[in-house]
């Protein structure tokens, strides 16, 4: 093309999904979890007196979960370690919604709280 060479890039963000030259989803999931953690922190900071679980759930679904679930069909086959990062954020959000303490993280408790949210 008229002696114009295109430069090589290591990653490209297109339609909100970060693609890397190695086809790894690590950078994409890092950016999603960072963004969602900021949103969840904002909710915790601005709504400390909000006690109604249904309102907290609605805020989570509209602001946080929507970011997590965007384009999941593309990157859902990510490595187990990357999925664990997303699940960690979801557990943190569940504790906020249901007013649970950080130590409340056994498998049975997690399953009960997840059922309450559905």
Protein backbone atom coordinates (compact mmCIF):
# COMPACT_ATOMS: atom_id res chain seq x y z
CA UNK A 1 0.00 0.00 0.00
CA UNK A 2 2.24 2.78 -1.23
CA UNK A 3 5.17 1.60 0.91
CA UNK A 4 3.23 2.13 4.14
CA UNK A 5 3.77 -0.56 6.73
CA UNK A 6 1.28 -1.26 9.45
CA UNK A 7 2.66 -1.44 12.95
CA UNK A 8 2.28 -4.51 15.11
CA UNK A 9 0.21 -4.15 18.27
CA UNK A 10 0.12 -6.44 21.28
CA UNK A 11 -3.51 -5.81 22.17
CA UNK A 12 -6.55 -4.15 20.65
CA UNK A 13 -9.85 -3.21 22.27
CA UNK A 14 -12.78 -3.60 19.90
CA UNK A 15 -16.43 -3.31 20.96
CA UNK A 16 -15.36 -3.44 24.60
CA UNK A 17 -13.47 -6.73 24.28
CA UNK A 18 -9.68 -6.70 24.56
CA UNK A 19 -7.94 -9.06 22.14
CA UNK A 20 -4.26 -9.82 22.51
CA UNK A 21 -1.76 -11.10 19.97
CA UNK A 22 -1.49 -14.34 21.97
CA UNK A 23 -5.28 -14.77 22.10
CA UNK A 24 -5.21 -14.71 25.89
CA UNK A 25 -8.15 -13.24 27.79
CA UNK A 26 -6.10 -12.28 30.83
CA UNK A 27 -5.85 -8.58 29.92
CA UNK A 28 -9.56 -8.41 29.15
CA UNK A 29 -10.59 -10.06 32.42
CA UNK A 30 -8.16 -7.87 34.37
CA UNK A 31 -9.74 -4.75 32.92
CA UNK A 32 -13.27 -6.02 33.58
CA UNK A 33 -12.55 -6.97 37.18
CA UNK A 34 -10.80 -3.65 37.82
CA UNK A 35 -13.76 -1.73 36.42
CA UNK A 36 -16.31 -3.80 38.34
CA UNK A 37 -14.35 -3.53 41.59
CA UNK A 38 -14.41 0.25 41.21
CA UNK A 39 -18.17 0.20 40.62
CA UNK A 40 -18.76 -2.07 43.59
CA UNK A 41 -16.56 0.13 45.77
CA UNK A 42 -18.53 3.16 44.64
CA UNK A 43 -21.79 1.44 45.58
CA UNK A 44 -20.42 0.50 49.00
CA UNK A 45 -19.17 4.02 49.59
CA UNK A 46 -22.24 5.93 48.36
CA UNK A 47 -24.94 3.60 49.72
CA UNK A 48 -23.82 2.55 53.22
CA UNK A 49 -27.25 3.17 54.73
CA UNK A 50 -29.11 1.30 52.01
CA UNK A 51 -30.37 -1.84 53.78
CA UNK A 52 -33.04 -3.15 51.41
CA UNK A 53 -31.69 -6.32 49.76
CA UNK A 54 -33.91 -5.99 46.68
CA UNK A 55 -32.64 -2.46 45.99
CA UNK A 56 -29.03 -3.56 46.48
CA UNK A 57 -29.64 -6.49 44.14
CA UNK A 58 -31.12 -4.19 41.50
CA UNK A 59 -28.13 -1.85 41.75
CA UNK A 60 -25.76 -4.82 41.44
CA UNK A 61 -27.56 -6.27 38.42
CA UNK A 62 -27.79 -2.98 36.57
CA UNK A 63 -24.35 -1.54 37.31
CA UNK A 64 -21.99 -4.41 38.12
CA UNK A 65 -23.35 -7.63 36.63
CA UNK A 66 -24.07 -5.99 33.30
CA UNK A 67 -20.36 -5.20 33.00
CA UNK A 68 -19.36 -8.73 33.98
CA UNK A 69 -21.72 -10.44 31.57
CA UNK A 70 -20.94 -8.31 28.51
CA UNK A 71 -19.63 -10.48 25.65
CA UNK A 72 -19.22 -13.56 27.85
CA UNK A 73 -19.88 -15.84 24.90
CA UNK A 74 -16.56 -14.65 23.47
CA UNK A 75 -14.29 -15.06 26.50
CA UNK A 76 -16.23 -17.62 28.56
CA UNK A 77 -13.79 -20.39 27.65
CA UNK A 78 -11.04 -18.63 29.60
CA UNK A 79 -8.70 -20.45 31.95
CA UNK A 80 -9.92 -21.52 35.36
CA UNK A 81 -7.69 -18.97 37.12
CA UNK A 82 -9.25 -16.14 35.15
CA UNK A 83 -12.77 -17.32 35.94
CA UNK A 84 -11.80 -17.38 39.61
CA UNK A 85 -11.09 -13.63 39.46
CA UNK A 86 -14.61 -12.98 38.22
CA UNK A 87 -16.13 -15.30 40.80
CA UNK A 88 -14.20 -13.46 43.53
CA UNK A 89 -15.86 -10.19 42.50
CA UNK A 90 -19.27 -11.86 42.45
CA UNK A 91 -18.75 -13.27 45.95
CA UNK A 92 -17.77 -9.81 47.16
CA UNK A 93 -20.94 -8.37 45.62
CA UNK A 94 -23.07 -11.10 47.17
CA UNK A 95 -21.68 -10.27 50.61
CA UNK A 96 -22.52 -6.60 50.04
CA UNK A 97 -26.05 -7.32 48.84
CA UNK A 98 -26.90 -9.66 51.71
CA UNK A 99 -25.02 -7.71 54.43
CA UNK A 100 -22.64 -10.60 55.11
CA UNK A 101 -19.19 -10.40 56.65
CA UNK A 102 -16.03 -11.41 54.84
CA UNK A 103 -15.61 -14.54 56.96
CA UNK A 104 -18.96 -15.79 55.62
CA UNK A 105 -17.48 -17.74 52.74
CA UNK A 106 -18.02 -21.47 53.22
CA UNK A 107 -19.42 -23.43 50.30
CA UNK A 108 -22.77 -24.06 51.96
CA UNK A 109 -23.18 -20.41 52.88
CA UNK A 110 -22.23 -19.41 49.34
CA UNK A 111 -24.81 -21.73 47.86
CA UNK A 112 -27.55 -20.45 50.19
CA UNK A 113 -26.77 -16.83 49.45
CA UNK A 114 -26.68 -17.48 45.70
CA UNK A 115 -30.13 -19.10 45.90
CA UNK A 116 -31.44 -16.04 47.74
CA UNK A 117 -30.30 -13.80 44.89
CA UNK A 118 -31.96 -15.82 42.12
